[in-house]
């Protein structure tokens, strides 16, 4: 079954850190990308990071720059997102995304969420004092 499953969300105090995991099933990460997006209540979905395995590049966006990192998690098909120095502005549902079809032969870090073909169900992160 082709799917993405996020885990690791929960409640975090300001200044704390978290690790979210994206488990990929039914697809190979080779030549793909895994992007992390988040959506706060009442706001549009925004990019957090993207790891292009084909390019061997990792990208971080917006307020995640300097506070986030991505790595392979437990197992060959898991990607972790680590974030530190969390604030209430980091509250939201965190999603991972990739493409199922690769018309160019490799996955691209897209600019908009609509360009991704496969999403997980999301995991809630709440930062509160």
Protein backbone atom coordinates (compact mmCIF):
# COMPACT_ATOMS: atom_id res chain seq x y z
CA UNK A 1 0.00 0.00 0.00
CA UNK A 2 1.38 3.38 -1.01
CA UNK A 3 1.16 5.78 1.88
CA UNK A 4 2.91 8.23 4.17
CA UNK A 5 2.35 8.11 7.90
CA UNK A 6 3.51 10.87 10.22
CA UNK A 7 4.09 10.43 13.92
CA UNK A 8 5.73 12.15 16.85
CA UNK A 9 3.46 15.10 17.38
CA UNK A 10 2.27 16.23 20.77
CA UNK A 11 2.51 19.03 23.30
CA UNK A 12 5.75 20.93 23.68
CA UNK A 13 6.71 23.88 25.83
CA UNK A 14 8.24 26.99 24.23
CA UNK A 15 11.94 26.58 23.75
CA UNK A 16 11.59 22.83 23.52
CA UNK A 17 12.31 20.51 20.64
CA UNK A 18 10.60 17.72 18.80
CA UNK A 19 11.23 14.97 16.30
CA UNK A 20 8.57 14.02 13.79
CA UNK A 21 8.78 10.91 11.64
CA UNK A 22 7.44 10.20 8.19
CA UNK A 23 7.21 6.53 7.34
CA UNK A 24 7.01 5.81 3.64
CA UNK A 25 5.35 2.62 2.44
CA UNK A 26 5.09 1.25 -1.07
CA UNK A 27 7.57 3.71 -2.58
CA UNK A 28 11.32 3.93 -2.76
CA UNK A 29 12.94 7.09 -1.48
CA UNK A 30 15.63 6.79 -4.07
CA UNK A 31 15.26 9.65 -6.55
CA UNK A 32 12.28 11.01 -4.64
CA UNK A 33 11.79 13.92 -2.30
CA UNK A 34 10.23 14.12 1.13
CA UNK A 35 8.82 17.51 2.01
CA UNK A 36 7.50 18.66 5.34
CA UNK A 37 4.69 21.19 5.44
CA UNK A 38 2.64 22.55 8.29
CA UNK A 39 -0.70 24.25 8.66
CA UNK A 40 -1.69 26.43 11.58
CA UNK A 41 -5.36 27.02 12.40
CA UNK A 42 -6.87 29.50 9.97
CA UNK A 43 -3.71 29.74 7.88
CA UNK A 44 -2.48 28.33 4.62
CA UNK A 45 -0.19 25.36 4.49
CA UNK A 46 3.44 26.45 4.51
CA UNK A 47 6.68 24.75 3.63
CA UNK A 48 9.03 23.67 6.39
CA UNK A 49 11.65 21.58 4.61
CA UNK A 50 12.33 19.41 1.61
CA UNK A 51 14.90 16.68 1.14
CA UNK A 52 15.62 15.83 -2.46
CA UNK A 53 17.24 12.42 -2.49
CA UNK A 54 17.97 12.66 -6.20
CA UNK A 55 19.85 15.94 -5.76
CA UNK A 56 21.26 15.05 -2.37
CA UNK A 57 20.07 18.43 -1.13
CA UNK A 58 18.10 19.54 1.91
CA UNK A 59 16.15 22.77 1.97
CA UNK A 60 14.62 24.66 4.86
CA UNK A 61 12.13 27.47 4.59
CA UNK A 62 10.94 30.44 6.56
CA UNK A 63 11.27 30.31 10.31
CA UNK A 64 12.51 26.71 10.14
CA UNK A 65 15.87 27.86 8.80
CA UNK A 66 18.51 27.39 11.45
CA UNK A 67 16.15 25.47 13.73
CA UNK A 68 15.29 22.39 11.71
CA UNK A 69 17.13 19.39 10.37
CA UNK A 70 16.11 16.23 8.56
CA UNK A 71 17.63 12.79 8.71
CA UNK A 72 16.87 9.16 7.97
CA UNK A 73 14.94 7.67 10.83
CA UNK A 74 14.63 4.12 12.04
CA UNK A 75 14.41 1.98 8.94
CA UNK A 76 15.31 2.75 5.36
CA UNK A 77 12.00 4.37 4.51
CA UNK A 78 11.62 6.80 7.39
CA UNK A 79 12.53 10.47 7.35
CA UNK A 80 12.68 12.47 10.57
CA UNK A 81 12.21 16.20 11.01
CA UNK A 82 13.89 17.67 14.07
CA UNK A 83 13.02 21.16 15.25
CA UNK A 84 14.34 23.10 18.23
CA UNK A 85 13.64 26.41 19.94
CA UNK A 86 9.95 25.95 19.36
CA UNK A 87 7.50 28.79 19.84
CA UNK A 88 3.73 29.02 19.76
CA UNK A 89 4.06 30.00 16.10
CA UNK A 90 5.19 26.44 15.39
CA UNK A 91 1.82 25.08 16.45
CA UNK A 92 -0.01 23.28 13.67
CA UNK A 93 -0.54 20.06 11.83
CA UNK A 94 2.66 18.79 10.26
CA UNK A 95 2.46 16.81 7.04
CA UNK A 96 4.99 15.00 4.91
CA UNK A 97 4.53 14.80 1.16
CA UNK A 98 6.09 13.28 -1.92
CA UNK A 99 5.19 12.34 -5.46
CA UNK A 100 3.95 8.99 -6.68
CA UNK A 101 4.73 9.56 -10.34
CA UNK A 102 8.13 10.89 -11.38
CA UNK A 103 7.69 12.14 -14.96
CA UNK A 104 11.18 13.65 -14.97
CA UNK A 105 12.72 10.61 -13.34
CA UNK A 106 13.23 12.28 -9.96
CA UNK A 107 11.27 14.08 -7.30
CA UNK A 108 11.28 17.87 -7.16
CA UNK A 109 10.84 20.14 -4.17
CA UNK A 110 7.67 21.85 -5.31
CA UNK A 111 6.66 25.38 -4.46
CA UNK A 112 3.01 24.72 -3.72
CA UNK A 113 1.23 21.94 -1.84
CA UNK A 114 -1.00 21.17 -4.81
CA UNK A 115 1.98 19.93 -6.78
CA UNK A 116 2.57 16.98 -4.47
CA UNK A 117 0.80 13.79 -5.29
CA UNK A 118 0.86 12.02 -1.96
CA UNK A 119 0.32 13.30 1.57
CA UNK A 120 0.21 11.76 4.99
CA UNK A 121 -2.64 12.32 7.40
CA UNK A 122 -0.62 14.78 9.48
CA UNK A 123 0.46 14.93 13.10
CA UNK A 124 -0.55 17.70 15.49
CA UNK A 125 2.10 19.77 17.24
CA UNK A 126 0.99 22.15 19.97
CA UNK A 127 3.45 24.53 21.59
CA UNK A 128 2.06 26.05 24.77
CA UNK A 129 3.34 27.73 27.89
